[in-house]
Protein backbone atom coordinates (compact mmCIF):
# COMPACT_ATOMS: atom_id res chain seq x y z
CA MET A 1 48.05 33.68 19.19
CA ALA A 2 48.08 35.77 22.26
CA ASP A 3 46.57 39.02 20.71
CA ALA A 4 44.08 37.26 18.65
CA LYS A 5 40.59 38.48 19.38
CA VAL A 6 37.34 36.49 18.89
CA ILE A 7 34.58 38.19 17.20
CA PRO A 8 31.08 36.75 17.99
CA PHE A 9 29.02 35.90 14.97
CA ASP A 10 26.46 38.79 14.88
CA ASP A 11 28.49 41.46 15.90
CA ASP A 12 29.18 42.55 12.01
CA ARG A 13 25.49 44.58 12.50
CA SER A 14 27.35 46.78 14.76
CA ARG A 15 30.21 47.68 12.22
CA GLY A 16 28.03 48.09 9.34
CA ALA A 17 26.79 46.51 5.95
CA GLY A 18 30.16 46.85 4.30
CA GLN A 19 32.77 45.23 7.02
CA ARG A 20 33.48 41.51 7.74
CA PRO A 21 34.23 39.55 10.42
CA GLN A 22 37.94 39.43 10.76
CA ARG A 23 39.73 35.90 10.80
CA ARG A 24 42.37 35.08 13.17
CA ARG A 25 45.65 35.65 12.82
CA SER A 26 48.59 34.26 14.20
CA GLY A 27 51.11 37.54 14.09
CA PRO A 28 49.99 41.45 14.87
CA ARG A 29 47.88 42.99 12.50
CA ARG A 30 49.77 45.19 10.16
CA PRO A 31 48.17 48.88 9.76
CA GLY A 32 46.05 48.87 6.61
CA ASP A 33 45.40 45.32 6.35
CA GLY A 34 41.85 46.00 6.40
CA ALA A 35 41.81 47.72 3.37
CA LYS A 36 43.54 45.17 1.61
CA VAL A 37 40.74 42.17 -0.10
CA ARG A 38 42.07 39.28 -2.01
CA GLU A 39 40.16 39.77 -5.58
CA VAL A 40 37.76 36.71 -5.80
CA LYS A 41 36.48 35.92 -9.54
CA ALA A 42 32.84 35.59 -9.86
CA VAL A 43 31.39 32.22 -9.92
CA PRO A 44 28.99 31.75 -12.34
CA GLY A 45 25.09 32.16 -11.79
CA ARG A 46 26.65 33.17 -8.10
CA LEU A 47 27.33 36.98 -9.04
CA ASN A 48 26.79 39.47 -6.11
CA ALA A 49 24.81 36.75 -4.67
CA ASP A 50 26.19 36.75 -1.23
CA VAL A 51 27.42 40.41 -1.11
CA PRO A 52 25.34 42.52 1.40
CA GLU A 53 23.37 45.70 0.09
CA GLY A 54 25.75 48.90 0.49
CA ALA A 55 28.84 46.67 0.76
CA ALA A 56 31.94 48.35 -0.61
CA PRO A 57 33.38 47.48 -4.19
CA GLY A 58 35.39 44.46 -4.73
CA ALA A 59 34.17 43.30 -0.64
CA GLU A 60 34.35 39.17 -0.68
CA PRO A 61 31.02 37.82 -0.72
CA LEU A 62 30.00 36.38 2.58
CA ASP A 63 29.84 32.49 1.65
CA ALA A 64 33.43 32.14 2.55
CA GLY A 65 32.85 28.34 0.95
CA ALA A 66 33.61 30.32 -2.50
CA VAL A 67 36.73 31.57 -2.13
CA GLY A 68 38.56 28.55 -1.64
CA PRO A 69 40.66 26.60 1.55
CA VAL A 70 39.59 27.47 4.69
CA GLY A 71 41.53 26.71 8.12
CA ALA A 72 40.03 24.63 10.77
CA ASP A 73 39.85 27.58 12.79
CA ASP A 74 38.05 29.87 10.78
CA ALA A 75 34.47 31.21 11.78
CA ARG A 76 31.83 31.24 9.52
CA PRO A 77 28.92 34.07 10.05
CA THR A 78 25.81 32.17 10.50
CA GLY A 79 23.62 34.96 11.86
CA PRO A 80 20.96 36.98 9.29
CA ARG A 81 22.60 37.78 6.21
CA GLY A 82 22.44 41.06 4.57
CA ALA A 83 19.46 43.20 3.42
CA GLY A 84 17.80 41.94 0.01
CA GLN A 85 18.45 38.26 0.73
CA GLY A 86 15.61 35.83 1.18
CA ALA A 87 14.80 32.21 1.87
CA ALA A 88 14.95 31.49 -1.36
CA ALA A 89 19.10 32.21 -1.31
CA GLU A 90 19.30 30.39 1.79
CA SER A 91 17.43 26.95 0.45
CA ALA A 92 19.38 27.44 -2.89
CA SER A 93 23.08 27.14 -1.35
CA VAL A 94 21.68 23.75 0.49
CA PRO A 95 21.84 21.00 -2.17
CA GLU A 96 18.21 18.46 -2.75
CA PRO A 97 18.54 15.17 -1.95
CA ARG A 98 18.38 13.67 -5.13
CA GLY A 99 15.06 11.57 -5.53
CA GLY A 100 13.89 12.95 -2.19
CA GLY A 101 15.05 10.01 -0.57
CA GLY A 102 15.92 11.58 2.90
CA GLY A 103 12.56 12.99 2.90
CA GLY A 104 10.76 10.01 2.14
CA TRP A 105 12.68 8.17 4.85
CA ASP A 106 11.82 10.84 7.13
CA ARG A 107 8.07 10.95 6.36
CA ARG A 108 7.88 7.12 6.80
CA ILE A 109 9.47 7.57 9.95
CA ALA A 110 7.03 10.41 11.20
CA GLY A 111 3.87 8.33 10.38
CA GLY A 112 5.50 5.02 11.63
CA LEU A 113 5.74 7.21 14.97
CA ALA A 114 2.53 8.75 14.80
CA PHE A 115 0.67 5.66 13.58
CA LEU A 116 2.11 4.18 17.34
CA ARG A 117 1.03 6.93 19.35
CA ARG A 118 -2.74 6.41 17.77
CA ARG A 119 -2.73 2.65 18.58
CA LEU A 120 -1.13 3.41 22.28
CA THR A 121 -4.15 5.99 23.16
CA GLY A 122 -6.38 4.44 21.90
CA GLU A 123 -7.14 6.95 18.87
CA TYR A 124 -8.70 5.00 16.16
CA HIS A 125 -11.92 3.64 14.71
CA VAL A 126 -13.17 -0.09 14.44
CA ASP A 127 -16.60 -0.26 12.88
CA ASP A 128 -19.18 -2.75 14.18
CA PHE A 129 -17.99 -5.41 12.39
CA GLY A 130 -14.27 -5.13 13.76
CA TYR A 131 -12.91 -3.40 11.11
CA ASP A 132 -9.72 -1.91 11.54
CA GLU A 133 -8.89 0.42 8.12
CA GLU A 134 -5.99 2.01 9.59
CA LEU A 135 -4.42 -1.38 11.02
CA THR A 136 -5.36 -3.00 7.35
CA ASP A 137 -3.75 0.19 5.43
CA GLN A 138 -0.43 0.60 7.46
CA VAL A 139 0.21 -3.10 8.41
CA LEU A 140 -1.67 -5.63 7.03
CA MET A 141 -1.58 -4.67 3.64
CA SER A 142 2.14 -3.94 3.58
CA LEU A 143 2.53 -7.77 5.05
CA LEU A 144 0.62 -9.16 1.96
CA ARG A 145 1.80 -7.00 -0.88
CA PRO A 146 5.26 -8.68 -1.22
CA LEU A 147 3.45 -11.33 -2.17
CA TYR A 148 1.07 -9.90 -4.03
CA GLU A 149 3.71 -8.04 -6.24
CA LYS A 150 7.13 -10.41 -6.20
CA TYR A 151 6.17 -13.60 -5.28
CA PHE A 152 2.35 -14.22 -7.39
CA ARG A 153 3.22 -11.36 -9.59
CA VAL A 154 -0.87 -10.69 -9.50
CA GLU A 155 -2.11 -8.99 -12.67
CA VAL A 156 -5.21 -7.33 -12.79
CA LYS A 157 -7.64 -7.06 -15.44
CA GLY A 158 -11.14 -5.24 -15.90
CA ILE A 159 -10.75 -3.17 -12.86
CA GLU A 160 -13.06 -0.74 -14.33
CA ASN A 161 -16.15 -2.58 -13.94
CA ILE A 162 -15.81 -2.01 -10.18
CA PRO A 163 -18.30 1.02 -9.45
CA ALA A 164 -16.55 4.20 -8.09
CA ASP A 165 -18.50 4.31 -4.98
CA GLY A 166 -21.80 2.41 -3.70
CA GLY A 167 -22.36 -0.79 -2.95
CA ALA A 168 -21.21 -4.05 -5.20
CA LEU A 169 -21.14 -7.77 -4.88
CA ILE A 170 -17.83 -9.21 -6.30
CA VAL A 171 -18.35 -13.06 -7.19
CA ALA A 172 -15.36 -15.15 -7.23
CA ASN A 173 -14.52 -18.53 -7.96
CA HIS A 174 -12.52 -20.08 -5.22
CA SER A 175 -9.06 -22.39 -5.09
CA GLY A 176 -5.70 -23.27 -3.73
CA THR A 177 -6.14 -25.58 -0.71
CA LEU A 178 -5.53 -21.74 1.31
CA PRO A 179 -7.41 -19.03 0.67
CA TRP A 180 -5.15 -17.01 -0.71
CA ASP A 181 -7.02 -16.22 -3.41
CA GLY A 182 -9.11 -14.35 -1.66
CA LEU A 183 -6.06 -11.87 0.44
CA MET A 184 -4.97 -11.57 -3.30
CA MET A 185 -8.02 -10.06 -4.49
CA GLN A 186 -8.47 -7.33 -1.39
CA VAL A 187 -5.05 -6.71 -2.01
CA GLY A 188 -5.67 -5.91 -6.29
CA VAL A 189 -8.97 -4.34 -5.45
CA HIS A 190 -7.47 -1.73 -2.96
CA ASP A 191 -4.18 -1.17 -5.03
CA ASN A 192 -5.74 -1.20 -8.35
CA HIS A 193 -8.76 0.74 -7.98
CA PRO A 194 -8.66 4.53 -8.78
CA HIS A 195 -10.37 5.44 -5.55
CA GLY A 196 -8.23 2.51 -3.21
CA ARG A 197 -11.97 0.90 -2.16
CA HIS A 198 -11.67 -1.83 0.19
CA LEU A 199 -12.96 -5.32 -0.38
CA ARG A 200 -14.98 -6.63 2.48
CA LEU A 201 -14.70 -10.69 2.27
CA LEU A 202 -17.44 -13.31 3.39
CA ALA A 203 -15.27 -15.81 5.12
CA ALA A 204 -16.97 -19.31 6.46
CA ASP A 205 -17.21 -20.09 10.34
CA LEU A 206 -14.13 -22.16 10.56
CA VAL A 207 -12.25 -18.47 10.10
CA PHE A 208 -13.68 -17.31 12.98
CA MET A 209 -13.13 -20.04 15.21
CA LEU A 210 -9.70 -20.16 14.92
CA PRO A 211 -8.02 -17.92 17.95
CA VAL A 212 -5.23 -15.27 15.87
CA VAL A 213 -6.92 -15.53 12.66
CA ASN A 214 -10.33 -14.91 13.81
CA GLU A 215 -9.07 -11.15 15.34
CA LEU A 216 -7.02 -10.86 12.15
CA ALA A 217 -9.88 -11.39 10.01
CA ARG A 218 -12.19 -9.37 11.76
CA LYS A 219 -9.37 -5.85 11.63
CA ALA A 220 -8.97 -6.94 8.12
CA GLY A 221 -12.53 -5.98 7.30
CA HIS A 222 -14.00 -9.85 6.78
CA THR A 223 -17.09 -11.10 8.27
CA LEU A 224 -19.22 -13.97 8.67
CA ALA A 225 -21.22 -15.52 5.29
CA CYS A 226 -24.30 -14.53 6.16
CA ALA A 227 -27.41 -12.93 4.47
CA GLU A 228 -27.40 -10.36 7.59
CA ASP A 229 -24.20 -8.99 7.41
CA ALA A 230 -23.83 -8.79 3.38
CA GLU A 231 -26.99 -7.00 3.43
CA ALA A 232 -25.88 -4.39 5.95
CA LEU A 233 -22.39 -4.04 4.34
CA LEU A 234 -24.08 -3.45 0.80
CA GLU A 235 -26.75 -0.91 2.51
CA ARG A 236 -23.34 0.99 4.09
CA GLY A 237 -22.31 1.46 -0.09
CA GLU A 238 -19.39 -1.07 1.12
CA LEU A 239 -17.73 -3.43 -1.63
CA VAL A 240 -18.66 -7.14 -0.57
CA GLY A 241 -16.39 -9.95 -1.81
CA VAL A 242 -18.05 -13.78 -1.60
CA MET A 243 -17.09 -17.02 -2.99
CA PRO A 244 -20.24 -19.23 -3.41
CA GLU A 245 -17.94 -22.56 -4.19
CA GLY A 246 -17.01 -22.63 -0.69
CA PHE A 247 -14.89 -25.36 0.54
CA LYS A 248 -16.26 -27.27 -2.22
CA GLY A 249 -14.00 -25.21 -4.49
CA ILE A 250 -11.18 -24.68 -2.40
CA GLY A 251 -10.72 -28.46 -1.29
CA LYS A 252 -11.37 -29.89 -4.67
CA PRO A 253 -8.88 -32.14 -6.05
CA PHE A 254 -5.85 -31.03 -8.26
CA GLY A 255 -7.25 -32.95 -11.16
CA GLU A 256 -10.55 -30.97 -11.07
CA ARG A 257 -8.84 -27.36 -11.06
CA TYR A 258 -10.85 -24.72 -13.04
CA LYS A 259 -13.94 -26.45 -12.62
CA LEU A 260 -16.16 -24.55 -10.77
CA GLN A 261 -18.33 -26.52 -8.14
CA ARG A 262 -21.74 -25.51 -7.27
CA PHE A 263 -22.92 -21.93 -6.21
CA GLY A 264 -25.16 -23.25 -3.45
CA ARG A 265 -28.75 -22.09 -3.35
CA GLY A 266 -28.31 -18.92 -4.61
CA GLY A 267 -27.90 -16.82 -1.87
CA PHE A 268 -25.77 -14.10 -3.00
CA VAL A 269 -28.23 -13.22 -5.71
CA SER A 270 -31.08 -12.91 -3.28
CA THR A 271 -28.63 -10.60 -1.22
CA ALA A 272 -27.87 -8.43 -4.29
CA LEU A 273 -31.64 -7.99 -5.48
CA ARG A 274 -32.61 -6.78 -1.93
CA THR A 275 -30.15 -4.45 -1.97
CA GLY A 276 -30.32 -3.34 -5.67
CA SER A 277 -26.56 -3.96 -5.40
CA PRO A 278 -24.79 -4.91 -8.95
CA ILE A 279 -22.94 -8.31 -9.32
CA VAL A 280 -19.32 -8.38 -10.26
CA PRO A 281 -17.92 -11.60 -11.82
CA CYS A 282 -14.29 -12.47 -10.96
CA SER A 283 -12.05 -15.04 -12.48
CA ILE A 284 -9.07 -15.88 -10.62
CA VAL A 285 -6.08 -17.79 -12.42
CA GLY A 286 -3.04 -19.33 -10.80
CA ALA A 287 -4.32 -19.96 -7.10
CA GLU A 288 -5.20 -23.86 -8.14
CA GLU A 289 -1.65 -24.43 -8.68
CA ILE A 290 0.01 -23.05 -5.52
CA TYR A 291 -0.72 -26.20 -3.62
CA PRO A 292 -1.47 -29.23 -6.14
CA MET A 293 -3.97 -31.23 -3.62
CA ILE A 294 -3.59 -35.21 -4.43
CA GLY A 295 -5.19 -36.54 -1.97
CA ASN A 296 -7.39 -36.22 0.73
CA ALA A 297 -6.95 -37.59 4.69
CA LYS A 298 -10.19 -37.53 5.54
CA THR A 299 -9.69 -39.29 8.73
CA VAL A 300 -7.19 -36.62 9.71
CA ALA A 301 -9.55 -34.14 9.11
CA ARG A 302 -12.69 -35.64 11.02
CA VAL A 303 -9.93 -35.82 14.24
CA LEU A 304 -9.38 -32.33 13.71
CA GLY A 305 -12.57 -30.98 13.23
CA ILE A 306 -12.03 -29.56 9.26
CA PRO A 307 -13.42 -29.82 6.25
CA TYR A 308 -10.21 -31.96 4.93
CA PHE A 309 -6.77 -32.55 5.34
CA PRO A 310 -4.66 -31.81 1.85
CA LEU A 311 -1.82 -34.00 0.73
CA THR A 312 0.38 -32.31 -1.96
CA PRO A 313 3.54 -33.14 -3.25
CA THR A 314 4.94 -31.46 -0.64
CA PHE A 315 2.91 -30.97 2.55
CA PRO A 316 3.27 -33.01 5.24
CA TRP A 317 6.23 -34.60 3.70
CA LEU A 318 8.55 -31.53 4.29
CA GLY A 319 7.26 -30.36 7.60
CA PRO A 320 6.56 -26.70 7.72
CA LEU A 321 8.45 -26.06 4.69
CA GLY A 322 5.92 -27.85 2.50
CA ALA A 323 3.32 -25.09 3.80
CA VAL A 324 4.99 -22.92 1.22
CA PRO A 325 2.98 -21.89 -1.77
CA LEU A 326 4.44 -22.80 -4.99
CA PRO A 327 5.31 -19.05 -7.09
CA THR A 328 2.61 -19.13 -9.56
CA LYS A 329 1.74 -16.60 -11.98
CA TRP A 330 -1.53 -15.55 -10.99
CA THR A 331 -4.26 -13.19 -13.23
CA ILE A 332 -7.57 -11.54 -11.48
CA GLN A 333 -10.01 -10.46 -14.13
CA PHE A 334 -13.25 -8.62 -13.09
CA GLY A 335 -16.09 -8.97 -15.59
CA GLU A 336 -19.04 -6.71 -16.09
CA ALA A 337 -21.21 -6.06 -13.87
CA ILE A 338 -24.92 -7.52 -13.73
CA PRO A 339 -27.10 -4.79 -12.61
CA THR A 340 -30.22 -5.90 -10.08
CA ASP A 341 -31.63 -2.73 -9.56
CA GLY A 342 -34.43 -3.09 -12.38
CA TYR A 343 -35.95 -5.96 -10.60
CA PRO A 344 -39.16 -5.01 -8.12
CA PRO A 345 -38.42 -5.95 -4.41
CA GLU A 346 -40.36 -9.33 -4.54
CA ALA A 347 -37.75 -10.45 -7.11
CA ALA A 348 -35.84 -11.25 -4.11
CA GLU A 349 -38.48 -14.25 -3.44
CA ASP A 350 -38.46 -15.44 -6.86
CA PRO A 351 -36.70 -19.11 -7.19
CA MET A 352 -36.68 -19.45 -10.82
CA LEU A 353 -35.05 -15.41 -11.45
CA MET A 354 -32.12 -16.41 -8.30
CA PHE A 355 -31.71 -19.51 -10.35
CA ASN A 356 -31.27 -17.49 -13.68
CA LEU A 357 -28.79 -14.58 -12.28
CA THR A 358 -26.92 -17.60 -10.66
CA ASP A 359 -26.39 -19.32 -13.36
CA GLN A 360 -25.50 -16.41 -15.23
CA VAL A 361 -22.95 -15.67 -13.13
CA ARG A 362 -21.51 -18.93 -12.77
CA GLU A 363 -21.09 -19.28 -16.86
CA GLN A 364 -19.68 -16.03 -17.22
CA ILE A 365 -16.88 -16.80 -14.59
CA GLN A 366 -16.18 -20.09 -16.01
CA HIS A 367 -16.11 -19.17 -19.57
CA THR A 368 -13.55 -16.43 -18.25
CA LEU A 369 -11.06 -18.88 -16.64
CA TYR A 370 -11.25 -20.56 -19.96
CA LYS A 371 -10.20 -17.57 -21.67
CA LEU A 372 -7.60 -16.94 -19.27
CA LEU A 373 -6.20 -20.66 -19.43
CA VAL A 374 -5.96 -20.19 -23.18
CA GLN A 375 -4.02 -17.20 -23.21
CA ARG A 376 -1.51 -18.24 -20.18
CA ARG A 377 1.69 -18.99 -21.83
CA SER A 378 2.73 -21.23 -18.08
CA VAL A 379 2.13 -21.78 -14.87
CA PHE A 380 4.99 -19.90 -13.61
CA PHE A 381 5.73 -17.47 -16.15
């Protein structure tokens, strides 16, 4: 090894295209050794792929990996290859990861780091209602999606009845003791609509009185259930969701499941008429059974300042474990839209018209609930 000579990787340029960098030898070099070239059979599909242009006949390809075992001390050229070889030949010799798994993880990590950078530098947009679209898409939806897809296994029907753009008012039944139905409906609209529309829910005052829930609800696009906020969102072309039953629906006993309560005074119809927005009825099956409410501790509810205190077969007897919802099978169906743009502006003040439209929406939701219950095989499957 004393007389071994190390040749730089890019030294082959100065020696001509027909020569190849010498390998290290353990003994002295004999005269004429450079002319002896071991014959290598061509690999199918790679004939002359790595032989530099102008090389002598029988010369070895530059890709030493095709010549069999190479010693630990062998050096492989990493500089520019011979003329006539481009980036396509370079990428062809590197196998792509099957299924693109590596690239997918790289993109996810890069996207997560970019998201964190924007959050730290404040380079994100929040509208005047507190809605943070980026946070909703990247974080909140990702947290709710496992419940939607794996736990409740929500099936969405009639998504084509939701307009592709412009304002629309989605009216749904309300049930389940806790408002999981509104959140699942929000995920269902976003993930199934061809245009990935965001649903802006109208929530009760209690939601915005709770310390942590208040901030999360605002970030997710929810706002106070009042005519002013609903009209402002509809005029901007937003998709607005409302559940007119309110606490009467979500806090009703298990024995009255899937029986719609009164839809208030029809304020949602008046809002739709003022803005000319279509009304899309929505029926949700599966939420009634997640917390079977068999009783209501009214005294405790009065002390805590909440509309009701539910008693279920598991809560409060099992403590925090009793707050885990049952894994029921859900179905959300959107009915045909009811247009309102054909009515005159003064129609919003007509009590008889509001009553008729409210009753029409309620009857359509109730009829769809009965139809879905008949089609359902089981509560859990």
